[in-house]
Amino acid sequence: MSKLTDMRRVFAIGVMFFGLSALAQDQTYPNPLPYNPDSNLDGFIGIDDLLDLLALYNTLYPDSFSGDETGAILDLGKMAFNECFNTLESMGPKWRVMTHRDF
């Protein structure tokens, strides 16, 4: 293979990597839970978020979400992989990272 073909492949892989990385950083996805305290995803809980909460007042909680009294989910925000596991280790043995089996 020529150097030009190799460089094209490296460039194509780089473009795909950075494109997918930028796509993964998008925070505009809807929260699947029935209530998100930061409903407009601006990073702050303000008056707009309070108004969205008040719109839910006196409505029924959907039965499609199930849970039990033995589990809790703690969202610490976006972290690098190693930072996530270091934080997890510092929290003690009762905490773990969610997997697809938790759903």
C-alpha atoms as a PDB file:
ATOM      1  CA  MET A   1       0.000   0.000   0.000  1.00  0.00           C
ATOM      2  CA  SER A   2       1.140   3.477  -0.674  1.00  0.00           C
ATOM      3  CA  LYS A   3       1.628   6.176   1.909  1.00  0.00           C
ATOM      4  CA  LEU A   4      -1.226   8.160   0.365  1.00  0.00           C
ATOM      5  CA  THR A   5      -3.695   5.290   0.918  1.00  0.00           C
ATOM      6  CA  ASP A   6      -2.496   4.869   4.497  1.00  0.00           C
ATOM      7  CA  MET A   7      -2.904   8.582   5.177  1.00  0.00           C
ATOM      8  CA  ARG A   8      -6.427   8.528   3.732  1.00  0.00           C
ATOM      9  CA  ARG A   9      -7.380   5.711   6.085  1.00  0.00           C
ATOM     10  CA  VAL A  10      -5.866   7.476   9.086  1.00  0.00           C
ATOM     11  CA  PHE A  11      -7.676  10.687   8.131  1.00  0.00           C
ATOM     12  CA  ALA A  12     -10.997   8.855   7.661  1.00  0.00           C
ATOM     13  CA  ILE A  13     -10.666   7.106  11.023  1.00  0.00           C
ATOM     14  CA  GLY A  14      -9.791  10.420  12.674  1.00  0.00           C
ATOM     15  CA  VAL A  15     -12.816  12.156  11.161  1.00  0.00           C
ATOM     16  CA  MET A  16     -15.105   9.337  12.314  1.00  0.00           C
ATOM     17  CA  PHE A  17     -13.592   9.389  15.815  1.00  0.00           C
ATOM     18  CA  PHE A  18     -14.003  13.133  16.279  1.00  0.00           C
ATOM     19  CA  GLY A  19     -17.455  13.109  14.704  1.00  0.00           C
ATOM     20  CA  LEU A  20     -18.702  10.376  17.012  1.00  0.00           C
ATOM     21  CA  SER A  21     -17.037  12.050  19.998  1.00  0.00           C
ATOM     22  CA  ALA A  22     -18.866  15.289  19.242  1.00  0.00           C
ATOM     23  CA  LEU A  23     -22.135  13.394  18.839  1.00  0.00           C
ATOM     24  CA  ALA A  24     -21.628  11.703  22.210  1.00  0.00           C
ATOM     25  CA  GLN A  25     -21.297  15.102  23.908  1.00  0.00           C
ATOM     26  CA  ASP A  26     -24.786  16.202  22.863  1.00  0.00           C
ATOM     27  CA  GLN A  27     -26.989  16.876  25.905  1.00  0.00           C
ATOM     28  CA  THR A  28     -30.229  17.586  24.086  1.00  0.00           C
ATOM     29  CA  TYR A  29     -31.583  14.046  24.376  1.00  0.00           C
ATOM     30  CA  PRO A  30     -34.851  13.773  26.307  1.00  0.00           C
ATOM     31  CA  ASN A  31     -34.640  12.351  29.796  1.00  0.00           C
ATOM     32  CA  PRO A  32     -36.505   9.009  29.852  1.00  0.00           C
ATOM     33  CA  LEU A  33     -37.651   9.542  33.419  1.00  0.00           C
ATOM     34  CA  PRO A  34     -40.949  11.298  34.125  1.00  0.00           C
ATOM     35  CA  TYR A  35     -39.243  14.143  35.990  1.00  0.00           C
ATOM     36  CA  ASN A  36     -35.858  15.763  35.534  1.00  0.00           C
ATOM     37  CA  PRO A  37     -35.131  18.645  37.920  1.00  0.00           C
ATOM     38  CA  ASP A  38     -33.089  20.356  35.183  1.00  0.00           C
ATOM     39  CA  SER A  39     -35.792  20.126  32.538  1.00  0.00           C
ATOM     40  CA  ASN A  40     -34.230  22.570  30.066  1.00  0.00           C
ATOM     41  CA  LEU A  41     -30.757  20.972  30.398  1.00  0.00           C
ATOM     42  CA  ASP A  42     -28.947  24.268  30.975  1.00  0.00           C
ATOM     43  CA  GLY A  43     -26.993  22.916  33.945  1.00  0.00           C
ATOM     44  CA  PHE A  44     -28.910  24.974  36.513  1.00  0.00           C
ATOM     45  CA  ILE A  45     -32.174  24.417  38.343  1.00  0.00           C
ATOM     46  CA  GLY A  46     -33.967  27.744  37.973  1.00  0.00           C
ATOM     47  CA  ILE A  47     -37.400  29.287  37.633  1.00  0.00           C
ATOM     48  CA  ASP A  48     -38.047  27.680  34.237  1.00  0.00           C
ATOM     49  CA  ASP A  49     -37.385  24.268  35.771  1.00  0.00           C
ATOM     50  CA  LEU A  50     -39.710  25.089  38.674  1.00  0.00           C
ATOM     51  CA  LEU A  51     -42.491  26.041  36.271  1.00  0.00           C
ATOM     52  CA  ASP A  52     -42.065  22.708  34.476  1.00  0.00           C
ATOM     53  CA  LEU A  53     -42.308  20.931  37.835  1.00  0.00           C
ATOM     54  CA  LEU A  54     -45.457  22.824  38.800  1.00  0.00           C
ATOM     55  CA  ALA A  55     -47.068  21.729  35.538  1.00  0.00           C
ATOM     56  CA  LEU A  56     -46.799  18.146  36.868  1.00  0.00           C
ATOM     57  CA  TYR A  57     -48.564  18.983  40.130  1.00  0.00           C
ATOM     58  CA  ASN A  58     -51.600  16.787  40.892  1.00  0.00           C
ATOM     59  CA  THR A  59     -50.939  14.380  38.004  1.00  0.00           C
ATOM     60  CA  LEU A  60     -50.577  10.614  38.289  1.00  0.00           C
ATOM     61  CA  TYR A  61     -47.139   9.050  38.383  1.00  0.00           C
ATOM     62  CA  PRO A  62     -46.777   6.678  35.405  1.00  0.00           C
ATOM     63  CA  ASP A  63     -46.933   2.975  36.234  1.00  0.00           C
ATOM     64  CA  SER A  64     -44.478   2.091  33.468  1.00  0.00           C
ATOM     65  CA  PHE A  65     -41.496   2.852  35.707  1.00  0.00           C
ATOM     66  CA  SER A  66     -40.778   0.243  38.327  1.00  0.00           C
ATOM     67  CA  GLY A  67     -38.408   0.221  41.225  1.00  0.00           C
ATOM     68  CA  ASP A  68     -37.809  -1.332  44.557  1.00  0.00           C
ATOM     69  CA  GLU A  69     -36.625  -0.241  47.979  1.00  0.00           C
ATOM     70  CA  THR A  70     -33.184  -1.818  47.618  1.00  0.00           C
ATOM     71  CA  GLY A  71     -31.737   0.286  44.819  1.00  0.00           C
ATOM     72  CA  ALA A  72     -30.703   3.850  44.187  1.00  0.00           C
ATOM     73  CA  ILE A  73     -29.273   5.624  41.167  1.00  0.00           C
ATOM     74  CA  LEU A  74     -26.747   8.406  41.648  1.00  0.00           C
ATOM     75  CA  ASP A  75     -25.923  10.459  38.560  1.00  0.00           C
ATOM     76  CA  LEU A  76     -22.638  12.291  39.057  1.00  0.00           C
ATOM     77  CA  GLY A  77     -22.638  13.744  35.551  1.00  0.00           C
ATOM     78  CA  LYS A  78     -20.166  13.183  32.761  1.00  0.00           C
ATOM     79  CA  MET A  79     -16.770  11.788  33.709  1.00  0.00           C
ATOM     80  CA  ALA A  80     -13.869  10.109  32.032  1.00  0.00           C
ATOM     81  CA  PHE A  81     -13.883   6.319  32.362  1.00  0.00           C
ATOM     82  CA  ASN A  82     -11.042   6.120  34.908  1.00  0.00           C
ATOM     83  CA  GLU A  83     -12.432   9.058  36.923  1.00  0.00           C
ATOM     84  CA  CYS A  84     -15.797   7.282  37.110  1.00  0.00           C
ATOM     85  CA  PHE A  85     -14.308   4.095  38.503  1.00  0.00           C
ATOM     86  CA  ASN A  86     -12.067   5.974  40.963  1.00  0.00           C
ATOM     87  CA  THR A  87     -15.149   7.785  42.264  1.00  0.00           C
ATOM     88  CA  LEU A  88     -17.015   4.493  42.464  1.00  0.00           C
ATOM     89  CA  GLU A  89     -14.230   2.865  44.491  1.00  0.00           C
ATOM     90  CA  SER A  90     -14.194   5.773  46.941  1.00  0.00           C
ATOM     91  CA  MET A  91     -17.949   5.375  47.556  1.00  0.00           C
ATOM     92  CA  GLY A  92     -17.653   1.919  49.059  1.00  0.00           C
ATOM     93  CA  PRO A  93     -18.554  -1.672  48.161  1.00  0.00           C
ATOM     94  CA  LYS A  94     -22.334  -1.199  47.995  1.00  0.00           C
ATOM     95  CA  TRP A  95     -22.158   0.991  44.866  1.00  0.00           C
ATOM     96  CA  ARG A  96     -21.604  -0.238  41.310  1.00  0.00           C
ATOM     97  CA  VAL A  97     -21.935   0.939  37.726  1.00  0.00           C
ATOM     98  CA  MET A  98     -25.290   0.235  36.078  1.00  0.00           C
ATOM     99  CA  THR A  99     -25.452  -2.375  33.347  1.00  0.00           C
ATOM    100  CA  HIS A 100     -28.142  -3.340  30.850  1.00  0.00           C
ATOM    101  CA  ARG A 101     -29.369  -5.996  33.313  1.00  0.00           C
ATOM    102  CA  ASP A 102     -30.530  -3.237  35.670  1.00  0.00           C
ATOM    103  CA  PHE A 103     -33.282  -2.325  33.230  1.00  0.00           C
END
